[in-house]
Amino acid sequence: MRIAVAIYAVVDARTSQGAIWISLNGIGISIVTLPVAFLGEMLGMKPDYRRNLDMAFAIRVCTVLGYLLGAGLATVARALFANGETG
């Protein structure tokens, strides 16, 4: 399901013509891949999002980071709420 959403977002960002006088074409993908773009800028290796391989890599890394963040938050929440229960 996530792959289908990612493919749709990339295709939409690449084929969208934008509005009349302002174009936010690709801003959704730029926001989603911000962690990879930021790290790439810091390391001097900015991904070229016109290439499908770079786009796929950035989306995959950000998906893994999002999963790890969510899993970490769930672990912290479980630890916080489990300590209050004496059962």
PDB file of N, CA and C in Angstrom:
ATOM      1  N   MET A   1       0.827  -1.200   0.000  1.00  0.00           N
ATOM      2  CA  MET A   1       0.000   0.000   0.000  1.00  0.00           C
ATOM      3  C   MET A   1       0.866   1.258   0.000  1.00  0.00           C
ATOM      4  N   ARG A   2       1.915   1.262   0.848  1.00  0.00           N
ATOM      5  CA  ARG A   2       2.779   2.437   0.922  1.00  0.00           C
ATOM      6  C   ARG A   2       3.503   2.671  -0.394  1.00  0.00           C
ATOM      7  N   ILE A   3       3.882   1.579  -1.066  1.00  0.00           N
ATOM      8  CA  ILE A   3       4.568   1.726  -2.346  1.00  0.00           C
ATOM      9  C   ILE A   3       3.634   2.346  -3.366  1.00  0.00           C
ATOM     10  N   ALA A   4       2.373   1.948  -3.349  1.00  0.00           N
ATOM     11  CA  ALA A   4       1.405   2.516  -4.284  1.00  0.00           C
ATOM     12  C   ALA A   4       1.216   4.013  -4.032  1.00  0.00           C
ATOM     13  N   VAL A   5       1.158   4.400  -2.766  1.00  0.00           N
ATOM     14  CA  VAL A   5       1.018   5.818  -2.432  1.00  0.00           C
ATOM     15  C   VAL A   5       2.260   6.599  -2.864  1.00  0.00           C
ATOM     16  N   ALA A   6       3.433   6.023  -2.647  1.00  0.00           N
ATOM     17  CA  ALA A   6       4.679   6.690  -3.040  1.00  0.00           C
ATOM     18  C   ALA A   6       4.758   6.847  -4.555  1.00  0.00           C
ATOM     19  N   ILE A   7       4.385   5.799  -5.287  1.00  0.00           N
ATOM     20  CA  ILE A   7       4.404   5.878  -6.751  1.00  0.00           C
ATOM     21  C   ILE A   7       3.426   6.935  -7.232  1.00  0.00           C
ATOM     22  N   TYR A   8       2.229   6.956  -6.652  1.00  0.00           N
ATOM     23  CA  TYR A   8       1.245   7.967  -7.033  1.00  0.00           C
ATOM     24  C   TYR A   8       1.771   9.377  -6.763  1.00  0.00           C
ATOM     25  N   ALA A   9       2.396   9.581  -5.603  1.00  0.00           N
ATOM     26  CA  ALA A   9       2.907  10.907  -5.250  1.00  0.00           C
ATOM     27  C   ALA A   9       4.001  11.351  -6.207  1.00  0.00           C
ATOM     28  N   VAL A  10       4.880  10.446  -6.578  1.00  0.00           N
ATOM     29  CA  VAL A  10       5.965  10.799  -7.503  1.00  0.00           C
ATOM     30  C   VAL A  10       5.418  11.097  -8.890  1.00  0.00           C
ATOM     31  N   VAL A  11       4.524  10.254  -9.369  1.00  0.00           N
ATOM     32  CA  VAL A  11       3.943  10.489 -10.697  1.00  0.00           C
ATOM     33  C   VAL A  11       3.167  11.793 -10.709  1.00  0.00           C
ATOM     34  N   ASP A  12       2.396  12.065  -9.654  1.00  0.00           N
ATOM     35  CA  ASP A  12       1.635  13.303  -9.573  1.00  0.00           C
ATOM     36  C   ASP A  12       2.558  14.519  -9.531  1.00  0.00           C
ATOM     37  N   ALA A  13       3.640  14.422  -8.779  1.00  0.00           N
ATOM     38  CA  ALA A  13       4.575  15.548  -8.677  1.00  0.00           C
ATOM     39  C   ALA A  13       5.284  15.811  -9.993  1.00  0.00           C
ATOM     40  N   ARG A  14       5.553  14.769 -10.752  1.00  0.00           N
ATOM     41  CA  ARG A  14       6.279  14.932 -12.011  1.00  0.00           C
ATOM     42  C   ARG A  14       5.383  15.337 -13.165  1.00  0.00           C
ATOM     43  N   THR A  15       4.091  15.029 -13.088  1.00  0.00           N
ATOM     44  CA  THR A  15       3.206  15.348 -14.206  1.00  0.00           C
ATOM     45  C   THR A  15       2.292  16.537 -13.954  1.00  0.00           C
ATOM     46  N   SER A  16       2.237  17.014 -12.720  1.00  0.00           N
ATOM     47  CA  SER A  16       1.347  18.126 -12.391  1.00  0.00           C
ATOM     48  C   SER A  16       1.836  19.408 -13.065  1.00  0.00           C
ATOM     49  N   GLN A  17       0.892  20.166 -13.587  1.00  0.00           N
ATOM     50  CA  GLN A  17       1.238  21.406 -14.266  1.00  0.00           C
ATOM     51  C   GLN A  17       1.258  22.604 -13.330  1.00  0.00           C
ATOM     52  N   GLY A  18       0.729  22.450 -12.128  1.00  0.00           N
ATOM     53  CA  GLY A  18       0.730  23.549 -11.167  1.00  0.00           C
ATOM     54  C   GLY A  18      -0.457  24.462 -11.362  1.00  0.00           C
ATOM     55  N   ALA A  19      -0.439  25.555 -10.628  1.00  0.00           N
ATOM     56  CA  ALA A  19      -1.544  26.516 -10.671  1.00  0.00           C
ATOM     57  C   ALA A  19      -1.288  27.551 -11.760  1.00  0.00           C
ATOM     58  N   ILE A  20      -2.074  28.607 -11.734  1.00  0.00           N
ATOM     59  CA  ILE A  20      -1.980  29.619 -12.771  1.00  0.00           C
ATOM     60  C   ILE A  20      -0.697  30.438 -12.650  1.00  0.00           C
ATOM     61  N   TRP A  21      -0.447  31.026 -11.488  1.00  0.00           N
ATOM     62  CA  TRP A  21       0.720  31.904 -11.370  1.00  0.00           C
ATOM     63  C   TRP A  21       1.759  31.407 -10.377  1.00  0.00           C
ATOM     64  N   ILE A  22       1.426  30.378  -9.618  1.00  0.00           N
ATOM     65  CA  ILE A  22       2.392  29.815  -8.677  1.00  0.00           C
ATOM     66  C   ILE A  22       2.410  28.305  -8.854  1.00  0.00           C
ATOM     67  N   SER A  23       3.582  27.732  -8.791  1.00  0.00           N
ATOM     68  CA  SER A  23       3.712  26.299  -8.962  1.00  0.00           C
ATOM     69  C   SER A  23       4.383  25.698  -7.739  1.00  0.00           C
ATOM     70  N   LEU A  24       3.672  24.824  -7.070  1.00  0.00           N
ATOM     71  CA  LEU A  24       4.241  24.086  -5.950  1.00  0.00           C
ATOM     72  C   LEU A  24       4.539  22.654  -6.377  1.00  0.00           C
ATOM     73  N   ASN A  25       4.857  22.515  -7.654  1.00  0.00           N
ATOM     74  CA  ASN A  25       5.118  21.214  -8.233  1.00  0.00           C
ATOM     75  C   ASN A  25       6.295  20.543  -7.528  1.00  0.00           C
ATOM     76  N   GLY A  26       6.065  19.380  -6.960  1.00  0.00           N
ATOM     77  CA  GLY A  26       7.113  18.614  -6.324  1.00  0.00           C
ATOM     78  C   GLY A  26       7.372  18.949  -4.869  1.00  0.00           C
ATOM     79  N   ILE A  27       6.629  19.887  -4.294  1.00  0.00           N
ATOM     80  CA  ILE A  27       6.896  20.283  -2.917  1.00  0.00           C
ATOM     81  C   ILE A  27       6.541  19.156  -1.936  1.00  0.00           C
ATOM     82  N   GLY A  28       5.545  18.357  -2.256  1.00  0.00           N
ATOM     83  CA  GLY A  28       5.196  17.242  -1.378  1.00  0.00           C
ATOM     84  C   GLY A  28       6.325  16.234  -1.271  1.00  0.00           C
ATOM     85  N   ILE A  29       6.937  15.901  -2.391  1.00  0.00           N
ATOM     86  CA  ILE A  29       8.059  14.969  -2.394  1.00  0.00           C
ATOM     87  C   ILE A  29       9.256  15.595  -1.687  1.00  0.00           C
ATOM     88  N   SER A  30       9.449  16.882  -1.863  1.00  0.00           N
ATOM     89  CA  SER A  30      10.570  17.552  -1.187  1.00  0.00           C
ATOM     90  C   SER A  30      10.404  17.528   0.328  1.00  0.00           C
ATOM     91  N   ILE A  31       9.189  17.685   0.805  1.00  0.00           N
ATOM     92  CA  ILE A  31       8.943  17.659   2.247  1.00  0.00           C
ATOM     93  C   ILE A  31       9.121  16.240   2.790  1.00  0.00           C
ATOM     94  N   VAL A  32       8.612  15.264   2.062  1.00  0.00           N
ATOM     95  CA  VAL A  32       8.703  13.876   2.519  1.00  0.00           C
ATOM     96  C   VAL A  32      10.158  13.411   2.576  1.00  0.00           C
ATOM     97  N   THR A  33      10.958  13.821   1.625  1.00  0.00           N
ATOM     98  CA  THR A  33      12.348  13.371   1.561  1.00  0.00           C
ATOM     99  C   THR A  33      13.314  14.371   2.189  1.00  0.00           C
ATOM    100  N   LEU A  34      12.816  15.262   3.015  1.00  0.00           N
ATOM    101  CA  LEU A  34      13.661  16.276   3.640  1.00  0.00           C
ATOM    102  C   LEU A  34      14.823  15.695   4.446  1.00  0.00           C
ATOM    103  N   PRO A  35      14.625  14.633   5.246  1.00  0.00           N
ATOM    104  CA  PRO A  35      15.782  14.109   5.985  1.00  0.00           C
ATOM    105  C   PRO A  35      16.923  13.653   5.089  1.00  0.00           C
ATOM    106  N   VAL A  36      16.603  12.982   3.981  1.00  0.00           N
ATOM    107  CA  VAL A  36      17.647  12.513   3.073  1.00  0.00           C
ATOM    108  C   VAL A  36      18.281  13.694   2.347  1.00  0.00           C
ATOM    109  N   ALA A  37      17.470  14.654   1.930  1.00  0.00           N
ATOM    110  CA  ALA A  37      18.015  15.824   1.247  1.00  0.00           C
ATOM    111  C   ALA A  37      18.916  16.624   2.181  1.00  0.00           C
ATOM    112  N   PHE A  38      18.512  16.763   3.437  1.00  0.00           N
ATOM    113  CA  PHE A  38      19.312  17.516   4.412  1.00  0.00           C
ATOM    114  C   PHE A  38      20.650  16.825   4.656  1.00  0.00           C
ATOM    115  N   LEU A  39      20.604  15.505   4.886  1.00  0.00           N
ATOM    116  CA  LEU A  39      21.846  14.770   5.091  1.00  0.00           C
ATOM    117  C   LEU A  39      22.724  14.789   3.840  1.00  0.00           C
ATOM    118  N   GLY A  40      22.092  14.704   2.683  1.00  0.00           N
ATOM    119  CA  GLY A  40      22.853  14.788   1.435  1.00  0.00           C
ATOM    120  C   GLY A  40      23.546  16.127   1.275  1.00  0.00           C
ATOM    121  N   GLU A  41      22.860  17.201   1.633  1.00  0.00           N
ATOM    122  CA  GLU A  41      23.468  18.540   1.578  1.00  0.00           C
ATOM    123  C   GLU A  41      24.645  18.634   2.540  1.00  0.00           C
ATOM    124  N   MET A  42      24.472  18.089   3.748  1.00  0.00           N
ATOM    125  CA  MET A  42      25.541  18.149   4.744  1.00  0.00           C
ATOM    126  C   MET A  42      26.769  17.347   4.308  1.00  0.00           C
ATOM    127  N   LEU A  43      26.545  16.241   3.614  1.00  0.00           N
ATOM    128  CA  LEU A  43      27.647  15.389   3.168  1.00  0.00           C
ATOM    129  C   LEU A  43      28.134  15.738   1.758  1.00  0.00           C
ATOM    130  N   GLY A  44      27.484  16.699   1.116  1.00  0.00           N
ATOM    131  CA  GLY A  44      27.875  17.109  -0.236  1.00  0.00           C
ATOM    132  C   GLY A  44      27.399  16.160  -1.319  1.00  0.00           C
ATOM    133  N   MET A  45      26.365  15.364  -1.039  1.00  0.00           N
ATOM    134  CA  MET A  45      25.851  14.400  -2.011  1.00  0.00           C
ATOM    135  C   MET A  45      24.350  14.578  -2.177  1.00  0.00           C
ATOM    136  N   LYS A  46      23.924  15.708  -2.672  1.00  0.00           N
ATOM    137  CA  LYS A  46      22.493  15.976  -2.825  1.00  0.00           C
ATOM    138  C   LYS A  46      21.914  15.067  -3.908  1.00  0.00           C
ATOM    139  N   PRO A  47      20.847  14.330  -3.572  1.00  0.00           N
ATOM    140  CA  PRO A  47      20.251  13.449  -4.578  1.00  0.00           C
ATOM    141  C   PRO A  47      19.593  14.247  -5.704  1.00  0.00           C
ATOM    142  N   ASP A  48      19.670  13.703  -6.905  1.00  0.00           N
ATOM    143  CA  ASP A  48      19.031  14.309  -8.070  1.00  0.00           C
ATOM    144  C   ASP A  48      17.668  13.645  -8.234  1.00  0.00           C
ATOM    145  N   TYR A  49      16.611  14.346  -7.845  1.00  0.00           N
ATOM    146  CA  TYR A  49      15.276  13.752  -7.839  1.00  0.00           C
ATOM    147  C   TYR A  49      14.679  13.594  -9.230  1.00  0.00           C
ATOM    148  N   ARG A  50      15.384  14.000 -10.245  1.00  0.00           N
ATOM    149  CA  ARG A  50      14.916  13.730 -11.606  1.00  0.00           C
ATOM    150  C   ARG A  50      15.217  12.288 -11.998  1.00  0.00           C
ATOM    151  N   ARG A  51      16.132  11.653 -11.255  1.00  0.00           N
ATOM    152  CA  ARG A  51      16.467  10.247 -11.506  1.00  0.00           C
ATOM    153  C   ARG A  51      15.601   9.366 -10.619  1.00  0.00           C
ATOM    154  N   ASN A  52      14.994   8.346 -11.213  1.00  0.00           N
ATOM    155  CA  ASN A  52      14.107   7.455 -10.464  1.00  0.00           C
ATOM    156  C   ASN A  52      14.834   6.719  -9.346  1.00  0.00           C
ATOM    157  N   LEU A  53      16.077   6.335  -9.559  1.00  0.00           N
ATOM    158  CA  LEU A  53      16.827   5.605  -8.548  1.00  0.00           C
ATOM    159  C   LEU A  53      17.072   6.471  -7.307  1.00  0.00           C
ATOM    160  N   ASP A  54      17.434   7.719  -7.511  1.00  0.00           N
ATOM    161  CA  ASP A  54      17.643   8.629  -6.374  1.00  0.00           C
ATOM    162  C   ASP A  54      16.344   8.879  -5.625  1.00  0.00           C
ATOM    163  N   MET A  55      15.260   9.039  -6.365  1.00  0.00           N
ATOM    164  CA  MET A  55      13.951   9.266  -5.746  1.00  0.00           C
ATOM    165  C   MET A  55      13.528   8.044  -4.936  1.00  0.00           C
ATOM    166  N   ALA A  56      13.696   6.859  -5.501  1.00  0.00           N
ATOM    167  CA  ALA A  56      13.318   5.636  -4.799  1.00  0.00           C
ATOM    168  C   ALA A  56      14.164   5.446  -3.545  1.00  0.00           C
ATOM    169  N   PHE A  57      15.453   5.726  -3.635  1.00  0.00           N
ATOM    170  CA  PHE A  57      16.328   5.600  -2.473  1.00  0.00           C
ATOM    171  C   PHE A  57      15.901   6.560  -1.365  1.00  0.00           C
ATOM    172  N   ALA A  58      15.622   7.804  -1.727  1.00  0.00           N
ATOM    173  CA  ALA A  58      15.231   8.807  -0.732  1.00  0.00           C
ATOM    174  C   ALA A  58      13.915   8.425  -0.058  1.00  0.00           C
ATOM    175  N   ILE A  59      12.953   7.980  -0.822  1.00  0.00           N
ATOM    176  CA  ILE A  59      11.668   7.589  -0.250  1.00  0.00           C
ATOM    177  C   ILE A  59      11.832   6.372   0.648  1.00  0.00           C
ATOM    178  N   ARG A  60      12.649   5.418   0.240  1.00  0.00           N
ATOM    179  CA  ARG A  60      12.866   4.220   1.041  1.00  0.00           C
ATOM    180  C   ARG A  60      13.542   4.560   2.380  1.00  0.00           C
ATOM    181  N   VAL A  61      14.575   5.394   2.330  1.00  0.00           N
ATOM    182  CA  VAL A  61      15.273   5.768   3.564  1.00  0.00           C
ATOM    183  C   VAL A  61      14.333   6.532   4.496  1.00  0.00           C
ATOM    184  N   CYS A  62      13.544   7.436   3.955  1.00  0.00           N
ATOM    185  CA  CYS A  62      12.615   8.196   4.797  1.00  0.00           C
ATOM    186  C   CYS A  62      11.518   7.303   5.367  1.00  0.00           C
ATOM    187  N   THR A  63      11.105   6.283   4.624  1.00  0.00           N
ATOM    188  CA  THR A  63      10.118   5.337   5.135  1.00  0.00           C
ATOM    189  C   THR A  63      10.693   4.551   6.310  1.00  0.00           C
ATOM    190  N   VAL A  64      11.932   4.107   6.180  1.00  0.00           N
ATOM    191  CA  VAL A  64      12.582   3.374   7.267  1.00  0.00           C
ATOM    192  C   VAL A  64      12.750   4.281   8.489  1.00  0.00           C
ATOM    193  N   LEU A  65      13.169   5.525   8.265  1.00  0.00           N
ATOM    194  CA  LEU A  65      13.311   6.463   9.381  1.00  0.00           C
ATOM    195  C   LEU A  65      11.973   6.711  10.073  1.00  0.00           C
ATOM    196  N   GLY A  66      10.911   6.864   9.304  1.00  0.00           N
ATOM    197  CA  GLY A  66       9.582   7.056   9.874  1.00  0.00           C
ATOM    198  C   GLY A  66       9.131   5.844  10.674  1.00  0.00           C
ATOM    199  N   TYR A  67       9.412   4.647  10.156  1.00  0.00           N
ATOM    200  CA  TYR A  67       9.054   3.432  10.883  1.00  0.00           C
ATOM    201  C   TYR A  67       9.817   3.353  12.203  1.00  0.00           C
ATOM    202  N   LEU A  68      11.132   3.606  12.155  1.00  0.00           N
ATOM    203  CA  LEU A  68      11.944   3.546  13.370  1.00  0.00           C
ATOM    204  C   LEU A  68      11.503   4.592  14.391  1.00  0.00           C
ATOM    205  N   LEU A  69      11.145   5.776  13.929  1.00  0.00           N
ATOM    206  CA  LEU A  69      10.653   6.814  14.822  1.00  0.00           C
ATOM    207  C   LEU A  69       9.353   6.378  15.494  1.00  0.00           C
ATOM    208  N   GLY A  70       8.433   5.837  14.714  1.00  0.00           N
ATOM    209  CA  GLY A  70       7.171   5.363  15.263  1.00  0.00           C
ATOM    210  C   GLY A  70       7.358   4.209  16.236  1.00  0.00           C
ATOM    211  N   ALA A  71       8.237   3.276  15.895  1.00  0.00           N
ATOM    212  CA  ALA A  71       8.502   2.146  16.783  1.00  0.00           C
ATOM    213  C   ALA A  71       9.154   2.622  18.078  1.00  0.00           C
ATOM    214  N   GLY A  72      10.038   3.588  17.978  1.00  0.00           N
ATOM    215  CA  GLY A  72      10.680   4.138  19.172  1.00  0.00           C
ATOM    216  C   GLY A  72       9.687   4.847  20.070  1.00  0.00           C
ATOM    217  N   LEU A  73       8.812   5.630  19.471  1.00  0.00           N
ATOM    218  CA  LEU A  73       7.789   6.321  20.262  1.00  0.00           C
ATOM    219  C   LEU A  73       6.833   5.337  20.922  1.00  0.00           C
ATOM    220  N   ALA A  74       6.490   4.265  20.229  1.00  0.00           N
ATOM    221  CA  ALA A  74       5.619   3.252  20.822  1.00  0.00           C
ATOM    222  C   ALA A  74       6.305   2.555  21.989  1.00  0.00           C
ATOM    223  N   THR A  75       7.589   2.290  21.853  1.00  0.00           N
ATOM    224  CA  THR A  75       8.336   1.650  22.939  1.00  0.00           C
ATOM    225  C   THR A  75       8.406   2.562  24.159  1.00  0.00           C
ATOM    226  N   VAL A  76       8.659   3.834  23.923  1.00  0.00           N
ATOM    227  CA  VAL A  76       8.712   4.796  25.029  1.00  0.00           C
ATOM    228  C   VAL A  76       7.350   4.911  25.701  1.00  0.00           C
ATOM    229  N   ALA A  77       6.286   4.977  24.904  1.00  0.00           N
ATOM    230  CA  ALA A  77       4.941   5.080  25.473  1.00  0.00           C
ATOM    231  C   ALA A  77       4.597   3.846  26.296  1.00  0.00           C
ATOM    232  N   ARG A  78       4.944   2.654  25.782  1.00  0.00           N
ATOM    233  CA  ARG A  78       4.694   1.429  26.540  1.00  0.00           C
ATOM    234  C   ARG A  78       5.458   1.422  27.848  1.00  0.00           C
ATOM    235  N   ALA A  79       6.704   1.867  27.811  1.00  0.00           N
ATOM    236  CA  ALA A  79       7.523   1.898  29.041  1.00  0.00           C
ATOM    237  C   ALA A  79       6.964   2.895  30.051  1.00  0.00           C
ATOM    238  N   LEU A  80       6.506   4.033  29.589  1.00  0.00           N
ATOM    239  CA  LEU A  80       5.959   5.038  30.494  1.00  0.00           C
ATOM    240  C   LEU A  80       4.667   4.563  31.144  1.00  0.00           C
ATOM    241  N   PHE A  81       3.781   3.970  30.358  1.00  0.00           N
ATOM    242  CA  PHE A  81       2.488   3.559  30.880  1.00  0.00           C
ATOM    243  C   PHE A  81       2.550   2.235  31.625  1.00  0.00           C
ATOM    244  N   ALA A  82       3.534   1.402  31.339  1.00  0.00           N
ATOM    245  CA  ALA A  82       3.663   0.128  32.042  1.00  0.00           C
ATOM    246  C   ALA A  82       4.188   0.325  33.451  1.00  0.00           C
ATOM    247  N   ASN A  83       4.975   1.342  33.684  1.00  0.00           N
ATOM    248  CA  ASN A  83       5.521   1.598  35.019  1.00  0.00           C
ATOM    249  C   ASN A  83       4.441   2.043  36.012  1.00  0.00           C
ATOM    250  N   GLY A  84       3.373   2.633  35.524  1.00  0.00           N
ATOM    251  CA  GLY A  84       2.307   3.093  36.402  1.00  0.00           C
ATOM    252  C   GLY A  84       1.384   1.981  36.857  1.00  0.00           C
ATOM    253  N   GLU A  85       1.407   0.829  36.153  1.00  0.00           N
ATOM    254  CA  GLU A  85       0.527  -0.274  36.497  1.00  0.00           C
ATOM    255  C   GLU A  85       1.227  -1.203  37.480  1.00  0.00           C
ATOM    256  N   THR A  86       0.555  -1.517  38.563  1.00  0.00           N
ATOM    257  CA  THR A  86       1.123  -2.445  39.550  1.00  0.00           C
ATOM    258  C   THR A  86       0.442  -3.807  39.495  1.00  0.00           C
ATOM    259  N   GLY A  87      -0.619  -3.921  38.695  1.00  0.00           N
ATOM    260  CA  GLY A  87      -1.325  -5.140  38.415  1.00  0.00           C
ATOM    261  C   GLY A  87      -1.731  -5.914  39.546  1.00  0.00           C
TER     262      GLY A  87
END
